[in-house]
Amino acid sequence: MTEAHRPTLVVTGADGYIGSAVVRRALDQSANVHALTRRPGARTSRPGVRRFAYDVAGAPPEDALVGATAVVHLAIDGAAFTAPSARDVNTEGTARLIDAARRQGVGRFVFVSSQSAATGATSGYAASKASTEALLTGAGDAIVRPGMVYGGLEQGLYGRLCALVKRARIVPVPRPSAPVQTIHVDDLALALVRLALGPARDRRLYQLGAERPMTFAGYLKAIARYRFGREIVIIPIPLWPMAALARAIGTVYQPARALSERLAGLAAVTAMDCADSISALGLDLRDPADALRLEAAAARES
């Protein structure tokens, strides 16, 4: 297939943890990629990839959407969630992107939401994701609520958790019993590319993660044991007093507002029913213990 006849996938947040995996998977599927990122000059473009400047708070680059087959929307303004007056930035920015995509005749829009969006939207992050989901009304639109994404490069939340269990033997954890449904970053990328470039589907909402949840404490122990070959001790700490303190301090100290957001999301998480979504996309999710062991071995050999 010549480059001119390949499908074109627009990926926002293309340099991020999940976005990078989506770009790799799309290229493997012989698609062209329009990578939308805040710093398009930060990386050298690869064959099949064109890079465009994009900030969710600003106007989308319509030239990136011309001739595109689909959009996978991952970009967020994380700072907005810790500034109450700006929590609508992500929803409004996504609305502008959807409108631009529709003007250019893009047939599919895949929005990566959050497991917490389904639980009553108790945090700014969850509220933003929930309100953005309501914008997805087109026949080719899809919403993906992933579970806890792990594996691959140590980036994003997974990277922060890796850093935590690498340096600490004793780990204080709020709500260690919270249900965690893991999905490897490459499995999630495959699902997103299938939704964007595969056959048309009737389903609108996809919940993706392991069918059987593990606890948050068990997840941290698995990363420590299988990825880094060490054992850790989990110390439960009260969630609500910590969240209340973070909210109070957050009125004058921005990092505490970010912590308050994370704790609110953790408090609200409930298990998802993922079986039908996994089956609909033909996914075979890898076992985290096996995946983490393989990545540990690859790291030792590199």
C-alpha atoms as a PDB file:
ATOM      1  CA  MET A   1       0.000   0.000   0.000  1.00  0.00           C
ATOM      2  CA  THR A   2       1.455   3.361  -1.015  1.00  0.00           C
ATOM      3  CA  GLU A   3       1.695   6.122   1.574  1.00  0.00           C
ATOM      4  CA  ALA A   4      -0.971   8.160  -0.224  1.00  0.00           C
ATOM      5  CA  HIS A   5      -3.484   5.290   0.060  1.00  0.00           C
ATOM      6  CA  ARG A   6      -2.884   4.504   3.716  1.00  0.00           C
ATOM      7  CA  PRO A   7      -5.404   5.553   6.380  1.00  0.00           C
ATOM      8  CA  THR A   8      -4.353   8.565   8.439  1.00  0.00           C
ATOM      9  CA  LEU A   9      -4.735   8.516  12.212  1.00  0.00           C
ATOM     10  CA  VAL A  10      -4.627  11.745  14.209  1.00  0.00           C
ATOM     11  CA  VAL A  11      -3.257  11.151  17.724  1.00  0.00           C
ATOM     12  CA  THR A  12      -3.383  13.929  20.318  1.00  0.00           C
ATOM     13  CA  GLY A  13      -0.946  13.662  23.197  1.00  0.00           C
ATOM     14  CA  ALA A  14       1.197  11.663  20.796  1.00  0.00           C
ATOM     15  CA  ASP A  15       4.391  12.036  22.830  1.00  0.00           C
ATOM     16  CA  GLY A  16       2.789  10.820  26.059  1.00  0.00           C
ATOM     17  CA  TYR A  17       2.912   7.403  27.693  1.00  0.00           C
ATOM     18  CA  ILE A  18      -0.138   5.969  25.922  1.00  0.00           C
ATOM     19  CA  GLY A  19       0.106   8.213  22.856  1.00  0.00           C
ATOM     20  CA  SER A  20       3.588   6.967  21.978  1.00  0.00           C
ATOM     21  CA  ALA A  21       2.333   3.386  22.064  1.00  0.00           C
ATOM     22  CA  VAL A  22      -0.635   4.279  19.840  1.00  0.00           C
ATOM     23  CA  VAL A  23       1.691   5.889  17.289  1.00  0.00           C
ATOM     24  CA  ARG A  24       3.885   2.765  17.217  1.00  0.00           C
ATOM     25  CA  ARG A  25       0.877   0.478  16.814  1.00  0.00           C
ATOM     26  CA  ALA A  26      -0.648   2.616  14.039  1.00  0.00           C
ATOM     27  CA  LEU A  27       2.628   2.554  12.101  1.00  0.00           C
ATOM     28  CA  ASP A  28       2.732  -1.234  12.518  1.00  0.00           C
ATOM     29  CA  GLN A  29      -0.736  -1.275  10.906  1.00  0.00           C
ATOM     30  CA  SER A  30       0.621   0.664   7.896  1.00  0.00           C
ATOM     31  CA  ALA A  31      -1.220   3.862   8.794  1.00  0.00           C
ATOM     32  CA  ASN A  32       0.048   7.398   8.454  1.00  0.00           C
ATOM     33  CA  VAL A  33       0.071   9.325  11.722  1.00  0.00           C
ATOM     34  CA  HIS A  34      -0.526  12.993  12.402  1.00  0.00           C
ATOM     35  CA  ALA A  35       1.012  13.441  15.850  1.00  0.00           C
ATOM     36  CA  LEU A  36      -0.440  16.371  17.790  1.00  0.00           C
ATOM     37  CA  THR A  37       1.798  17.493  20.633  1.00  0.00           C
ATOM     38  CA  ARG A  38       2.695  20.603  22.570  1.00  0.00           C
ATOM     39  CA  ARG A  39       6.287  20.485  21.353  1.00  0.00           C
ATOM     40  CA  PRO A  40       6.324  19.231  17.766  1.00  0.00           C
ATOM     41  CA  GLY A  41      10.015  20.059  17.372  1.00  0.00           C
ATOM     42  CA  ALA A  42      11.066  18.034  20.421  1.00  0.00           C
ATOM     43  CA  ARG A  43      11.413  14.809  18.411  1.00  0.00           C
ATOM     44  CA  THR A  44      12.497  13.940  14.904  1.00  0.00           C
ATOM     45  CA  SER A  45       9.615  12.746  12.735  1.00  0.00           C
ATOM     46  CA  ARG A  46       9.772   9.153  11.590  1.00  0.00           C
ATOM     47  CA  PRO A  47       8.623   7.923   8.173  1.00  0.00           C
ATOM     48  CA  GLY A  48       4.833   7.993   8.124  1.00  0.00           C
ATOM     49  CA  VAL A  49       4.571  10.577  10.927  1.00  0.00           C
ATOM     50  CA  ARG A  50       3.861  14.296  10.614  1.00  0.00           C
ATOM     51  CA  ARG A  51       4.037  16.404  13.752  1.00  0.00           C
ATOM     52  CA  PHE A  52       1.742  19.344  14.575  1.00  0.00           C
ATOM     53  CA  ALA A  53       1.599  21.818  17.467  1.00  0.00           C
ATOM     54  CA  TYR A  54      -1.475  21.311  19.652  1.00  0.00           C
ATOM     55  CA  ASP A  55      -2.577  22.427  23.088  1.00  0.00           C
ATOM     56  CA  VAL A  56      -6.000  21.298  24.277  1.00  0.00           C
ATOM     57  CA  ALA A  57      -6.628  24.790  25.648  1.00  0.00           C
ATOM     58  CA  GLY A  58      -6.154  26.352  22.200  1.00  0.00           C
ATOM     59  CA  ALA A  59      -7.464  25.986  18.678  1.00  0.00           C
ATOM     60  CA  PRO A  60      -6.878  22.627  16.967  1.00  0.00           C
ATOM     61  CA  PRO A  61      -4.703  22.576  13.839  1.00  0.00           C
ATOM     62  CA  GLU A  62      -7.296  21.918  11.142  1.00  0.00           C
ATOM     63  CA  ASP A  63      -4.627  21.102   8.573  1.00  0.00           C
ATOM     64  CA  ALA A  64      -3.778  18.030  10.662  1.00  0.00           C
ATOM     65  CA  LEU A  65      -7.358  16.818  10.245  1.00  0.00           C
ATOM     66  CA  VAL A  66      -7.608  17.186   6.472  1.00  0.00           C
ATOM     67  CA  GLY A  67      -8.018  13.743   4.917  1.00  0.00           C
ATOM     68  CA  ALA A  68      -7.806  11.963   8.288  1.00  0.00           C
ATOM     69  CA  THR A  69      -9.600   8.673   8.877  1.00  0.00           C
ATOM     70  CA  ALA A  70      -9.966   8.963  12.656  1.00  0.00           C
ATOM     71  CA  VAL A  71      -8.857  10.802  15.787  1.00  0.00           C
ATOM     72  CA  VAL A  72      -7.608   9.190  18.991  1.00  0.00           C
ATOM     73  CA  HIS A  73      -7.829  11.896  21.658  1.00  0.00           C
ATOM     74  CA  LEU A  74      -5.492  11.498  24.628  1.00  0.00           C
ATOM     75  CA  ALA A  75      -4.235  15.027  25.273  1.00  0.00           C
ATOM     76  CA  ILE A  76      -5.209  16.723  28.535  1.00  0.00           C
ATOM     77  CA  ASP A  77      -4.279  19.867  30.402  1.00  0.00           C
ATOM     78  CA  GLY A  78      -3.412  18.300  33.740  1.00  0.00           C
ATOM     79  CA  ALA A  79      -2.912  21.642  35.468  1.00  0.00           C
ATOM     80  CA  ALA A  80      -6.578  22.453  34.913  1.00  0.00           C
ATOM     81  CA  PHE A  81      -7.657  19.802  37.384  1.00  0.00           C
ATOM     82  CA  THR A  82      -5.898  21.549  40.248  1.00  0.00           C
ATOM     83  CA  ALA A  83      -7.333  24.982  39.425  1.00  0.00           C
ATOM     84  CA  PRO A  84     -11.107  24.942  40.063  1.00  0.00           C
ATOM     85  CA  SER A  85     -11.770  27.908  37.774  1.00  0.00           C
ATOM     86  CA  ALA A  86     -10.169  26.071  34.839  1.00  0.00           C
ATOM     87  CA  ARG A  87     -11.683  22.603  35.125  1.00  0.00           C
ATOM     88  CA  ASP A  88     -13.687  23.071  31.926  1.00  0.00           C
ATOM     89  CA  VAL A  89     -10.559  23.639  29.800  1.00  0.00           C
ATOM     90  CA  ASN A  90     -10.344  19.999  28.736  1.00  0.00           C
ATOM     91  CA  THR A  91     -14.031  19.636  27.921  1.00  0.00           C
ATOM     92  CA  GLU A  92     -14.122  22.879  25.949  1.00  0.00           C
ATOM     93  CA  GLY A  93     -10.901  21.998  24.135  1.00  0.00           C
ATOM     94  CA  THR A  94     -12.257  18.589  23.185  1.00  0.00           C
ATOM     95  CA  ALA A  95     -15.460  20.199  21.896  1.00  0.00           C
ATOM     96  CA  ARG A  96     -13.364  22.416  19.605  1.00  0.00           C
ATOM     97  CA  LEU A  97     -11.427  19.391  18.356  1.00  0.00           C
ATOM     98  CA  ILE A  98     -14.611  17.419  17.677  1.00  0.00           C
ATOM     99  CA  ASP A  99     -16.115  20.351  15.776  1.00  0.00           C
ATOM    100  CA  ALA A 100     -12.956  20.730  13.689  1.00  0.00           C
ATOM    101  CA  ALA A 101     -12.891  16.997  12.947  1.00  0.00           C
ATOM    102  CA  ARG A 102     -16.513  17.074  11.842  1.00  0.00           C
ATOM    103  CA  ARG A 103     -15.855  20.060   9.556  1.00  0.00           C
ATOM    104  CA  GLN A 104     -13.083  18.076   7.884  1.00  0.00           C
ATOM    105  CA  GLY A 105     -15.268  15.000   7.475  1.00  0.00           C
ATOM    106  CA  VAL A 106     -13.356  12.771   9.909  1.00  0.00           C
ATOM    107  CA  GLY A 107     -15.568   9.724  10.412  1.00  0.00           C
ATOM    108  CA  ARG A 108     -14.370   8.468  13.780  1.00  0.00           C
ATOM    109  CA  PHE A 109     -13.447  10.053  17.084  1.00  0.00           C
ATOM    110  CA  VAL A 110     -12.080   7.848  19.868  1.00  0.00           C
ATOM    111  CA  PHE A 111     -11.935   9.521  23.276  1.00  0.00           C
ATOM    112  CA  VAL A 112      -9.819   8.014  26.048  1.00  0.00           C
ATOM    113  CA  SER A 113     -11.746   8.665  29.243  1.00  0.00           C
ATOM    114  CA  SER A 114     -11.246   7.255  32.744  1.00  0.00           C
ATOM    115  CA  GLN A 115     -12.567   4.496  34.958  1.00  0.00           C
ATOM    116  CA  SER A 116     -13.417   7.204  37.499  1.00  0.00           C
ATOM    117  CA  ALA A 117     -15.758   8.965  35.065  1.00  0.00           C
ATOM    118  CA  ALA A 118     -18.339   6.282  35.771  1.00  0.00           C
ATOM    119  CA  THR A 119     -18.355   6.636  39.526  1.00  0.00           C
ATOM    120  CA  GLY A 120     -20.125   9.929  40.217  1.00  0.00           C
ATOM    121  CA  ALA A 121     -17.366  12.340  39.137  1.00  0.00           C
ATOM    122  CA  THR A 122     -16.110  13.203  42.624  1.00  0.00           C
ATOM    123  CA  SER A 123     -12.889  14.846  41.398  1.00  0.00           C
ATOM    124  CA  GLY A 124     -12.208  17.555  38.864  1.00  0.00           C
ATOM    125  CA  TYR A 125     -10.478  15.006  36.638  1.00  0.00           C
ATOM    126  CA  ALA A 126     -13.429  12.606  36.744  1.00  0.00           C
ATOM    127  CA  ALA A 127     -15.950  15.408  36.269  1.00  0.00           C
ATOM    128  CA  SER A 128     -14.072  16.653  33.218  1.00  0.00           C
ATOM    129  CA  LYS A 129     -13.916  13.176  31.707  1.00  0.00           C
ATOM    130  CA  ALA A 130     -17.622  12.602  32.372  1.00  0.00           C
ATOM    131  CA  SER A 131     -18.678  15.901  30.821  1.00  0.00           C
ATOM    132  CA  THR A 132     -16.428  15.265  27.816  1.00  0.00           C
ATOM    133  CA  GLU A 133     -17.969  11.827  27.281  1.00  0.00           C
ATOM    134  CA  ALA A 134     -21.332  13.556  26.762  1.00  0.00           C
ATOM    135  CA  LEU A 135     -19.901  15.291  23.669  1.00  0.00           C
ATOM    136  CA  LEU A 136     -19.374  11.986  21.854  1.00  0.00           C
ATOM    137  CA  THR A 137     -22.648  11.674  19.940  1.00  0.00           C
ATOM    138  CA  GLY A 138     -21.528  10.814  16.402  1.00  0.00           C
ATOM    139  CA  ALA A 139     -22.157   7.452  14.772  1.00  0.00           C
ATOM    140  CA  GLY A 140     -18.414   6.784  14.588  1.00  0.00           C
ATOM    141  CA  ASP A 141     -17.579   7.984  18.097  1.00  0.00           C
ATOM    142  CA  ALA A 142     -16.245   5.693  20.824  1.00  0.00           C
ATOM    143  CA  ILE A 143     -15.412   6.167  24.495  1.00  0.00           C
ATOM    144  CA  VAL A 144     -12.719   4.056  26.128  1.00  0.00           C
ATOM    145  CA  ARG A 145     -12.428   3.792  29.904  1.00  0.00           C
ATOM    146  CA  PRO A 146      -9.141   2.002  30.600  1.00  0.00           C
ATOM    147  CA  GLY A 147      -8.177   0.447  33.879  1.00  0.00           C
ATOM    148  CA  MET A 148      -4.722   0.842  35.417  1.00  0.00           C
ATOM    149  CA  VAL A 149      -2.273   1.117  32.526  1.00  0.00           C
ATOM    150  CA  TYR A 150       1.151  -0.458  33.079  1.00  0.00           C
ATOM    151  CA  GLY A 151       4.211  -1.710  31.252  1.00  0.00           C
ATOM    152  CA  GLY A 152       6.517  -0.445  28.552  1.00  0.00           C
ATOM    153  CA  LEU A 153       8.390   2.759  29.255  1.00  0.00           C
ATOM    154  CA  GLU A 154       8.301   3.936  32.861  1.00  0.00           C
ATOM    155  CA  GLN A 155       6.164   6.989  32.191  1.00  0.00           C
ATOM    156  CA  GLY A 156       2.891   8.447  33.422  1.00  0.00           C
ATOM    157  CA  LEU A 157       1.320   7.132  36.611  1.00  0.00           C
ATOM    158  CA  TYR A 158       2.956   3.757  36.010  1.00  0.00           C
ATOM    159  CA  GLY A 159       6.375   5.450  35.972  1.00  0.00           C
ATOM    160  CA  ARG A 160       5.636   7.261  39.230  1.00  0.00           C
ATOM    161  CA  LEU A 161       4.580   4.025  40.897  1.00  0.00           C
ATOM    162  CA  CYS A 162       7.701   2.276  39.594  1.00  0.00           C
ATOM    163  CA  ALA A 163       9.848   5.013  41.123  1.00  0.00           C
ATOM    164  CA  LEU A 164       8.005   4.635  44.414  1.00  0.00           C
ATOM    165  CA  VAL A 165       8.459   0.880  44.786  1.00  0.00           C
ATOM    166  CA  LYS A 166      12.086   1.028  43.586  1.00  0.00           C
ATOM    167  CA  ARG A 167      13.185   3.354  46.347  1.00  0.00           C
ATOM    168  CA  ALA A 168      11.005   2.357  49.312  1.00  0.00           C
ATOM    169  CA  ARG A 169      10.673  -0.903  51.210  1.00  0.00           C
ATOM    170  CA  ILE A 170       7.761   0.373  53.256  1.00  0.00           C
ATOM    171  CA  VAL A 171       5.041   2.073  51.214  1.00  0.00           C
ATOM    172  CA  PRO A 172       2.154   3.965  52.835  1.00  0.00           C
ATOM    173  CA  VAL A 173      -0.965   3.506  50.695  1.00  0.00           C
ATOM    174  CA  PRO A 174      -4.404   5.143  50.977  1.00  0.00           C
ATOM    175  CA  ARG A 175      -7.238   2.704  50.234  1.00  0.00           C
ATOM    176  CA  PRO A 176      -5.024  -0.334  49.535  1.00  0.00           C
ATOM    177  CA  SER A 177      -8.160  -2.406  48.858  1.00  0.00           C
ATOM    178  CA  ALA A 178      -9.214  -0.233  45.875  1.00  0.00           C
ATOM    179  CA  PRO A 179      -9.969  -2.466  42.854  1.00  0.00           C
ATOM    180  CA  VAL A 180      -7.318  -2.303  40.119  1.00  0.00           C
ATOM    181  CA  GLN A 181      -7.998  -3.729  36.661  1.00  0.00           C
ATOM    182  CA  THR A 182      -4.737  -3.712  34.765  1.00  0.00           C
ATOM    183  CA  ILE A 183      -4.161  -3.318  31.046  1.00  0.00           C
ATOM    184  CA  HIS A 184      -0.742  -3.275  29.402  1.00  0.00           C
ATOM    185  CA  VAL A 185      -0.053  -0.085  27.472  1.00  0.00           C
ATOM    186  CA  ASP A 186       0.501  -2.034  24.243  1.00  0.00           C
ATOM    187  CA  ASP A 187      -2.816  -3.889  24.645  1.00  0.00           C
ATOM    188  CA  LEU A 188      -4.590  -0.573  25.161  1.00  0.00           C
ATOM    189  CA  ALA A 189      -2.854   0.884  22.099  1.00  0.00           C
ATOM    190  CA  LEU A 190      -4.004  -2.095  20.025  1.00  0.00           C
ATOM    191  CA  ALA A 191      -7.594  -1.567  21.200  1.00  0.00           C
ATOM    192  CA  LEU A 192      -7.511   2.131  20.319  1.00  0.00           C
ATOM    193  CA  VAL A 193      -6.107   1.505  16.839  1.00  0.00           C
ATOM    194  CA  ARG A 194      -8.676  -1.217  16.200  1.00  0.00           C
ATOM    195  CA  LEU A 195     -11.463   1.177  17.175  1.00  0.00           C
ATOM    196  CA  ALA A 196     -10.019   3.943  15.019  1.00  0.00           C
ATOM    197  CA  LEU A 197      -9.062   2.004  11.906  1.00  0.00           C
ATOM    198  CA  GLY A 198     -10.896  -1.310  12.093  1.00  0.00           C
ATOM    199  CA  PRO A 199     -14.409  -2.227  10.946  1.00  0.00           C
ATOM    200  CA  ALA A 200     -17.353  -0.089  12.067  1.00  0.00           C
ATOM    201  CA  ARG A 201     -18.869  -1.102  15.397  1.00  0.00           C
ATOM    202  CA  ASP A 202     -22.234  -0.429  17.018  1.00  0.00           C
ATOM    203  CA  ARG A 203     -20.870  -0.226  20.549  1.00  0.00           C
ATOM    204  CA  ARG A 204     -20.127   3.264  21.963  1.00  0.00           C
ATOM    205  CA  LEU A 205     -18.560   2.582  25.387  1.00  0.00           C
ATOM    206  CA  TYR A 206     -15.618   0.244  25.988  1.00  0.00           C
ATOM    207  CA  GLN A 207     -14.360  -0.593  29.479  1.00  0.00           C
ATOM    208  CA  LEU A 208     -10.940  -2.189  29.239  1.00  0.00           C
ATOM    209  CA  GLY A 209      -8.989  -3.935  31.962  1.00  0.00           C
ATOM    210  CA  ALA A 210      -8.492  -7.310  33.575  1.00  0.00           C
ATOM    211  CA  GLU A 211     -11.816  -9.031  34.219  1.00  0.00           C
ATOM    212  CA  ARG A 212     -10.713  -9.994  37.716  1.00  0.00           C
ATOM    213  CA  PRO A 213      -9.533  -6.969  39.712  1.00  0.00           C
ATOM    214  CA  MET A 214      -6.565  -7.046  42.064  1.00  0.00           C
ATOM    215  CA  THR A 215      -6.195  -4.674  44.963  1.00  0.00           C
ATOM    216  CA  PHE A 216      -4.154  -1.485  44.700  1.00  0.00           C
ATOM    217  CA  ALA A 217      -1.783  -2.956  47.296  1.00  0.00           C
ATOM    218  CA  GLY A 218      -1.477  -6.152  45.266  1.00  0.00           C
ATOM    219  CA  TYR A 219      -0.724  -4.140  42.143  1.00  0.00           C
ATOM    220  CA  LEU A 220       2.117  -2.258  43.841  1.00  0.00           C
ATOM    221  CA  LYS A 221       3.538  -5.516  45.193  1.00  0.00           C
ATOM    222  CA  ALA A 222       3.369  -7.064  41.707  1.00  0.00           C
ATOM    223  CA  ILE A 223       5.358  -4.184  40.186  1.00  0.00           C
ATOM    224  CA  ALA A 224       7.962  -4.459  42.940  1.00  0.00           C
ATOM    225  CA  ARG A 225       8.240  -8.263  42.759  1.00  0.00           C
ATOM    226  CA  TYR A 226       8.063  -8.977  39.044  1.00  0.00           C
ATOM    227  CA  ARG A 227       9.568  -5.828  37.563  1.00  0.00           C
ATOM    228  CA  PHE A 228      12.255  -5.085  40.166  1.00  0.00           C
ATOM    229  CA  GLY A 229      12.716  -8.369  42.054  1.00  0.00           C
ATOM    230  CA  ARG A 230      12.036  -6.930  45.493  1.00  0.00           C
ATOM    231  CA  GLU A 231       9.396  -7.197  48.168  1.00  0.00           C
ATOM    232  CA  ILE A 232       7.654  -4.238  49.775  1.00  0.00           C
ATOM    233  CA  VAL A 233       5.491  -3.808  52.850  1.00  0.00           C
ATOM    234  CA  ILE A 234       2.228  -1.918  52.441  1.00  0.00           C
ATOM    235  CA  ILE A 235       1.123   0.298  55.315  1.00  0.00           C
ATOM    236  CA  PRO A 236      -2.547   1.312  55.027  1.00  0.00           C
ATOM    237  CA  ILE A 237      -3.228   4.951  55.816  1.00  0.00           C
ATOM    238  CA  PRO A 238      -6.645   6.559  56.344  1.00  0.00           C
ATOM    239  CA  LEU A 239      -7.949   7.973  53.091  1.00  0.00           C
ATOM    240  CA  TRP A 240     -10.547  10.515  54.161  1.00  0.00           C
ATOM    241  CA  PRO A 241      -8.463  12.415  56.764  1.00  0.00           C
ATOM    242  CA  MET A 242      -5.607  12.580  54.266  1.00  0.00           C
ATOM    243  CA  ALA A 243      -7.950  13.815  51.522  1.00  0.00           C
ATOM    244  CA  ALA A 244      -9.462  16.455  53.816  1.00  0.00           C
ATOM    245  CA  LEU A 245      -6.008  17.678  54.807  1.00  0.00           C
ATOM    246  CA  ALA A 246      -4.906  17.819  51.159  1.00  0.00           C
ATOM    247  CA  ARG A 247      -8.003  19.838  50.248  1.00  0.00           C
ATOM    248  CA  ALA A 248      -7.368  22.285  53.081  1.00  0.00           C
ATOM    249  CA  ILE A 249      -3.697  22.753  52.255  1.00  0.00           C
ATOM    250  CA  GLY A 250      -4.553  22.921  48.567  1.00  0.00           C
ATOM    251  CA  THR A 251      -6.249  26.268  49.033  1.00  0.00           C
ATOM    252  CA  VAL A 252      -2.801  27.822  49.397  1.00  0.00           C
ATOM    253  CA  TYR A 253      -0.392  25.176  48.019  1.00  0.00           C
ATOM    254  CA  GLN A 254      -0.845  23.879  44.478  1.00  0.00           C
ATOM    255  CA  PRO A 255       0.896  20.457  44.823  1.00  0.00           C
ATOM    256  CA  ALA A 256      -1.557  19.598  47.591  1.00  0.00           C
ATOM    257  CA  ARG A 257      -4.430  20.284  45.173  1.00  0.00           C
ATOM    258  CA  ALA A 258      -2.980  17.707  42.811  1.00  0.00           C
ATOM    259  CA  LEU A 259      -2.763  15.187  45.663  1.00  0.00           C
ATOM    260  CA  SER A 260      -6.359  15.962  46.607  1.00  0.00           C
ATOM    261  CA  GLU A 261      -7.441  15.185  43.038  1.00  0.00           C
ATOM    262  CA  ARG A 262      -5.656  11.820  43.038  1.00  0.00           C
ATOM    263  CA  LEU A 263      -7.127  10.842  46.397  1.00  0.00           C
ATOM    264  CA  ALA A 264     -10.641  11.800  45.327  1.00  0.00           C
ATOM    265  CA  GLY A 265     -10.283   9.628  42.248  1.00  0.00           C
ATOM    266  CA  LEU A 266      -8.935   6.702  44.261  1.00  0.00           C
ATOM    267  CA  ALA A 267     -11.809   6.962  46.719  1.00  0.00           C
ATOM    268  CA  ALA A 268     -14.394   6.737  43.951  1.00  0.00           C
ATOM    269  CA  VAL A 269     -13.017   3.852  41.893  1.00  0.00           C
ATOM    270  CA  THR A 270     -15.293   0.847  41.514  1.00  0.00           C
ATOM    271  CA  ALA A 271     -14.770  -2.296  39.454  1.00  0.00           C
ATOM    272  CA  MET A 272     -15.755  -2.289  35.778  1.00  0.00           C
ATOM    273  CA  ASP A 273     -17.428  -5.057  33.794  1.00  0.00           C
ATOM    274  CA  CYS A 274     -14.892  -5.464  30.993  1.00  0.00           C
ATOM    275  CA  ALA A 275     -15.679  -8.882  29.534  1.00  0.00           C
ATOM    276  CA  ASP A 276     -17.972  -7.737  26.709  1.00  0.00           C
ATOM    277  CA  SER A 277     -15.646  -4.926  25.632  1.00  0.00           C
ATOM    278  CA  ILE A 278     -12.613  -7.210  25.566  1.00  0.00           C
ATOM    279  CA  SER A 279     -14.532  -9.770  23.522  1.00  0.00           C
ATOM    280  CA  ALA A 280     -15.894  -7.146  21.100  1.00  0.00           C
ATOM    281  CA  LEU A 281     -12.363  -5.956  20.291  1.00  0.00           C
ATOM    282  CA  GLY A 282     -10.855  -9.440  20.111  1.00  0.00           C
ATOM    283  CA  LEU A 283      -8.288  -8.677  22.805  1.00  0.00           C
ATOM    284  CA  ASP A 284      -6.163 -11.195  24.682  1.00  0.00           C
ATOM    285  CA  LEU A 285      -4.862  -9.154  27.603  1.00  0.00           C
ATOM    286  CA  ARG A 286      -1.452 -10.182  28.847  1.00  0.00           C
ATOM    287  CA  ASP A 287      -0.958 -11.254  32.439  1.00  0.00           C
ATOM    288  CA  PRO A 288       0.827  -8.516  34.399  1.00  0.00           C
ATOM    289  CA  ALA A 289       3.157 -10.929  36.191  1.00  0.00           C
ATOM    290  CA  ASP A 290       4.337 -12.418  32.883  1.00  0.00           C
ATOM    291  CA  ALA A 291       4.604  -9.025  31.179  1.00  0.00           C
ATOM    292  CA  LEU A 292       6.542  -7.446  34.034  1.00  0.00           C
ATOM    293  CA  ARG A 293       8.934 -10.431  34.199  1.00  0.00           C
ATOM    294  CA  LEU A 294       9.648 -10.128  30.471  1.00  0.00           C
ATOM    295  CA  GLU A 295      10.273  -6.397  30.743  1.00  0.00           C
ATOM    296  CA  ALA A 296      12.577  -6.932  33.719  1.00  0.00           C
ATOM    297  CA  ALA A 297      14.581  -9.462  31.696  1.00  0.00           C
ATOM    298  CA  ALA A 298      14.742  -7.108  28.707  1.00  0.00           C
ATOM    299  CA  ALA A 299      15.966  -4.298  30.956  1.00  0.00           C
ATOM    300  CA  ARG A 300      18.746  -6.499  32.356  1.00  0.00           C
ATOM    301  CA  GLU A 301      19.905  -7.446  28.852  1.00  0.00           C
ATOM    302  CA  SER A 302      19.924  -3.895  27.487  1.00  0.00           C
END
